[in-house]
């Protein structure tokens, strides 16, 4: 990984804040602190290590819960006083069991008490969270198979999925030629949904598609 600690400005306690982000989805998972030794262990082991300010000791993420984080890349900001860790999480980032520690919205209806549960419908989903949320919903439908689910119907019929992708692609092209920008966006969303189902039916993660796009843009 080639970590250069000389580029990082640790504070008077020898610590630096570390923002942790899911490499595949872009979702911010947690904020923790690290010292030089924790970052060195992260590099050596390939798993995130932090420094606990309350216990005053280094800890490996997921050591007791099993929700480890494989580090994919470490970055630091322009003045070197913050680190960004891009990771592949093996489970929930938050000790509450939530996927991310940032599950409440400022001014929202969730209780402000420490470790309080989230409120229904909050926080409002950000744009970059749409595709990861869709992928998780498709996985849930495949596992739980609710009666009457259109997604389950598609997953059970590969031929139908292919036909729907073709149909929706034709419709977005027609909308681009003849209709409003709003209609183009709606039809494009239909294409993306059906393509996501097709990928799920084949067991191809969206991350594999994004990696291919990254490779083509180098």
Protein backbone atom coordinates (compact mmCIF):
# COMPACT_ATOMS: atom_id res chain seq x y z
CA UNK A 1 0.00 0.00 0.00
CA UNK A 2 3.00 2.26 0.48
CA UNK A 3 1.74 4.17 3.52
CA UNK A 4 3.71 7.39 4.15
CA UNK A 5 3.18 8.47 7.75
CA UNK A 6 5.38 11.52 7.15
CA UNK A 7 2.45 13.04 5.24
CA UNK A 8 0.07 12.77 8.22
CA UNK A 9 -0.15 15.47 10.89
CA UNK A 10 -1.02 13.78 14.18
CA UNK A 11 -2.41 16.00 16.94
CA UNK A 12 -0.81 16.65 20.33
CA UNK A 13 -2.13 13.27 21.52
CA UNK A 14 -0.56 11.50 18.57
CA UNK A 15 -3.96 10.87 16.95
CA UNK A 16 -5.60 11.58 13.61
CA UNK A 17 -9.34 11.30 12.78
CA UNK A 18 -10.14 8.54 10.29
CA UNK A 19 -13.30 8.61 8.17
CA UNK A 20 -14.26 5.13 6.99
CA UNK A 21 -16.07 4.76 3.66
CA UNK A 22 -17.41 1.67 1.89
CA UNK A 23 -15.27 1.34 -1.23
CA UNK A 24 -18.01 -0.33 -3.27
CA UNK A 25 -20.94 1.95 -2.39
CA UNK A 26 -19.41 5.26 -1.32
CA UNK A 27 -21.38 5.19 1.94
CA UNK A 28 -19.67 6.76 4.96
CA UNK A 29 -19.64 4.10 7.67
CA UNK A 30 -17.97 5.57 10.75
CA UNK A 31 -15.48 8.01 12.24
CA UNK A 32 -12.72 6.79 14.53
CA UNK A 33 -9.21 7.81 15.57
CA UNK A 34 -5.87 6.23 14.82
CA UNK A 35 -2.30 6.67 15.94
CA UNK A 36 0.79 5.82 13.94
CA UNK A 37 0.92 2.25 15.27
CA UNK A 38 -2.73 1.61 14.39
CA UNK A 39 -2.11 2.78 10.83
CA UNK A 40 1.00 0.62 10.59
CA UNK A 41 -1.01 -2.41 11.76
CA UNK A 42 -3.71 -1.56 9.26
CA UNK A 43 -1.14 -1.62 6.49
CA UNK A 44 0.57 -4.78 7.71
CA UNK A 45 -2.60 -6.85 8.29
CA UNK A 46 -4.94 -5.42 5.65
CA UNK A 47 -7.61 -4.88 8.33
CA UNK A 48 -8.61 -1.59 9.96
CA UNK A 49 -7.09 -0.83 13.33
CA UNK A 50 -7.93 2.22 15.44
CA UNK A 51 -6.98 3.80 18.74
CA UNK A 52 -9.62 3.94 21.48
CA UNK A 53 -9.48 7.28 23.27
CA UNK A 54 -11.51 5.97 26.21
CA UNK A 55 -9.56 2.73 26.73
CA UNK A 56 -6.30 4.24 25.49
CA UNK A 57 -5.42 1.19 23.44
CA UNK A 58 -5.31 0.00 19.84
CA UNK A 59 -8.25 -2.11 18.67
CA UNK A 60 -8.94 -4.10 15.53
CA UNK A 61 -12.37 -3.40 14.03
CA UNK A 62 -14.55 -6.49 14.36
CA UNK A 63 -12.24 -8.29 16.75
CA UNK A 64 -15.18 -9.35 18.94
CA UNK A 65 -18.16 -8.87 16.60
CA UNK A 66 -16.64 -10.37 13.47
CA UNK A 67 -17.61 -7.24 11.50
CA UNK A 68 -14.08 -6.65 10.25
CA UNK A 69 -13.08 -4.12 7.62
CA UNK A 70 -10.61 -5.04 4.90
CA UNK A 71 -8.74 -1.92 3.90
CA UNK A 72 -8.61 -1.20 0.18
CA UNK A 73 -6.95 2.22 0.25
CA UNK A 74 -5.83 4.86 2.71
CA UNK A 75 -5.91 8.53 1.71
CA UNK A 76 -5.11 11.72 3.58
CA UNK A 77 -6.43 15.21 3.05
CA UNK A 78 -4.76 18.37 1.73
CA UNK A 79 -3.22 19.45 5.04
CA UNK A 80 -2.63 15.91 6.29
CA UNK A 81 -4.71 16.12 9.46
CA UNK A 82 -7.39 13.58 8.49
CA UNK A 83 -7.34 10.10 6.97
CA UNK A 84 -9.92 8.49 4.68
CA UNK A 85 -10.06 4.69 4.70
CA UNK A 86 -11.80 2.94 1.81
CA UNK A 87 -12.86 -0.49 3.05
CA UNK A 88 -14.78 -3.66 2.30
CA UNK A 89 -16.89 -4.24 5.44
CA UNK A 90 -17.72 -7.77 6.59
CA UNK A 91 -20.75 -6.62 8.58
CA UNK A 92 -22.37 -3.60 10.24
CA UNK A 93 -20.01 -0.75 11.00
CA UNK A 94 -21.92 0.41 14.07
CA UNK A 95 -21.96 -1.41 17.41
CA UNK A 96 -25.74 -0.86 17.45
CA UNK A 97 -26.05 -3.22 14.49
CA UNK A 98 -26.76 -0.47 11.98
CA UNK A 99 -24.89 -0.58 8.69
CA UNK A 100 -23.40 2.88 9.32
CA UNK A 101 -22.93 4.91 12.48
CA UNK A 102 -24.55 7.87 10.69
CA UNK A 103 -28.12 6.55 10.80
CA UNK A 104 -29.84 9.59 12.35
CA UNK A 105 -30.57 12.97 10.77
CA UNK A 106 -29.91 16.24 12.61
CA UNK A 107 -33.30 17.71 13.47
CA UNK A 108 -35.01 14.41 12.66
CA UNK A 109 -37.48 12.48 14.76
CA UNK A 110 -35.07 9.88 16.17
CA UNK A 111 -34.16 10.19 19.84
CA UNK A 112 -30.95 12.18 20.40
CA UNK A 113 -29.92 9.85 23.22
CA UNK A 114 -26.72 7.86 22.80
CA UNK A 115 -27.19 4.70 20.69
CA UNK A 116 -30.91 5.41 20.17
CA UNK A 117 -32.50 3.53 17.25
CA UNK A 118 -33.20 5.18 13.89
CA UNK A 119 -36.55 6.71 12.96
CA UNK A 120 -38.62 5.29 10.11
CA UNK A 121 -37.75 6.92 6.79
CA UNK A 122 -34.69 8.68 8.16
CA UNK A 123 -32.17 9.79 7.26
CA UNK A 124 -33.29 10.94 3.83
CA UNK A 125 -31.45 8.83 1.27
CA UNK A 126 -28.64 10.64 -0.55
CA UNK A 127 -28.29 10.26 -4.31
CA UNK A 128 -25.20 8.05 -4.14
CA UNK A 129 -27.05 5.66 -1.83
CA UNK A 130 -29.72 4.77 -4.39
CA UNK A 131 -27.92 1.94 -6.18
CA UNK A 132 -26.45 0.30 -3.04
CA UNK A 133 -29.90 0.40 -1.42
CA UNK A 134 -31.45 -1.13 -4.54
CA UNK A 135 -28.86 -3.92 -4.56
CA UNK A 136 -29.59 -4.72 -0.91
CA UNK A 137 -33.35 -4.69 -1.58
CA UNK A 138 -32.92 -7.13 -4.47
CA UNK A 139 -30.85 -9.43 -2.26
CA UNK A 140 -33.58 -9.27 0.38
CA UNK A 141 -36.28 -10.14 -2.16
CA UNK A 142 -34.21 -13.07 -3.42
CA UNK A 143 -33.74 -14.39 0.11
CA UNK A 144 -37.22 -13.76 1.54
CA UNK A 145 -39.22 -14.28 -1.68
CA UNK A 146 -42.39 -12.36 -0.68
CA UNK A 147 -45.55 -13.52 -2.45
CA UNK A 148 -46.59 -11.40 -5.40
CA UNK A 149 -43.21 -9.69 -5.73
CA UNK A 150 -42.46 -8.47 -9.25
CA UNK A 151 -38.75 -8.68 -8.48
CA UNK A 152 -39.07 -12.34 -7.49
CA UNK A 153 -40.98 -13.01 -10.69
CA UNK A 154 -38.11 -11.54 -12.69
CA UNK A 155 -35.46 -13.39 -10.71
CA UNK A 156 -37.25 -16.67 -11.42
CA UNK A 157 -37.41 -16.05 -15.17
CA UNK A 158 -34.07 -15.12 -16.82
CA UNK A 159 -35.73 -14.86 -20.23
CA UNK A 160 -38.25 -12.35 -18.90
CA UNK A 161 -35.48 -10.24 -17.33
CA UNK A 162 -33.66 -10.03 -20.66
CA UNK A 163 -36.84 -9.09 -22.48
CA UNK A 164 -37.60 -6.35 -19.94
CA UNK A 165 -34.10 -4.86 -20.23
CA UNK A 166 -34.49 -4.73 -24.01
CA UNK A 167 -37.99 -3.25 -23.72
CA UNK A 168 -36.98 -0.56 -21.24
CA UNK A 169 -33.88 0.33 -23.28
CA UNK A 170 -36.07 0.92 -26.33
CA UNK A 171 -38.42 3.08 -24.26
CA UNK A 172 -35.65 5.33 -22.93
CA UNK A 173 -34.33 5.82 -26.47
CA UNK A 174 -37.83 6.76 -27.64
CA UNK A 175 -38.26 9.11 -24.69
CA UNK A 176 -34.94 10.81 -25.51
CA UNK A 177 -36.16 11.33 -29.06
CA UNK A 178 -39.73 12.40 -28.41
CA UNK A 179 -40.43 13.26 -24.75
CA UNK A 180 -39.44 15.52 -21.86
CA UNK A 181 -36.30 15.30 -19.77
CA UNK A 182 -38.45 14.12 -16.86
CA UNK A 183 -39.73 11.20 -18.91
CA UNK A 184 -36.17 10.36 -19.98
CA UNK A 185 -35.16 10.18 -16.30
CA UNK A 186 -38.15 7.96 -15.47
CA UNK A 187 -37.44 5.57 -18.33
CA UNK A 188 -33.73 5.51 -17.49
CA UNK A 189 -34.64 4.51 -13.93
CA UNK A 190 -36.66 1.60 -15.34
CA UNK A 191 -33.63 0.46 -17.34
CA UNK A 192 -31.34 0.68 -14.32
CA UNK A 193 -33.79 -1.24 -12.11
CA UNK A 194 -34.21 -4.10 -14.59
CA UNK A 195 -30.48 -4.22 -15.30
CA UNK A 196 -29.83 -4.41 -11.55
CA UNK A 197 -32.22 -7.37 -11.33
CA UNK A 198 -30.42 -9.04 -14.23
CA UNK A 199 -27.08 -8.60 -12.45
CA UNK A 200 -28.54 -9.96 -9.21
CA UNK A 201 -29.95 -12.99 -11.01
CA UNK A 202 -26.46 -13.80 -12.28
CA UNK A 203 -24.78 -13.08 -8.95
CA UNK A 204 -22.76 -10.25 -10.47
CA UNK A 205 -22.24 -7.45 -7.91
CA UNK A 206 -22.63 -3.87 -9.05
CA UNK A 207 -19.10 -3.29 -7.79
CA UNK A 208 -17.80 -5.54 -10.59
CA UNK A 209 -19.46 -3.27 -13.16
CA UNK A 210 -18.05 -0.15 -11.52
CA UNK A 211 -14.58 -1.70 -11.44
CA UNK A 212 -14.86 -2.35 -15.18
CA UNK A 213 -15.84 1.28 -15.74
CA UNK A 214 -12.87 2.43 -13.68
CA UNK A 215 -10.57 0.25 -15.77
CA UNK A 216 -11.92 1.79 -18.98
CA UNK A 217 -11.41 5.36 -17.77
CA UNK A 218 -7.75 4.97 -16.81
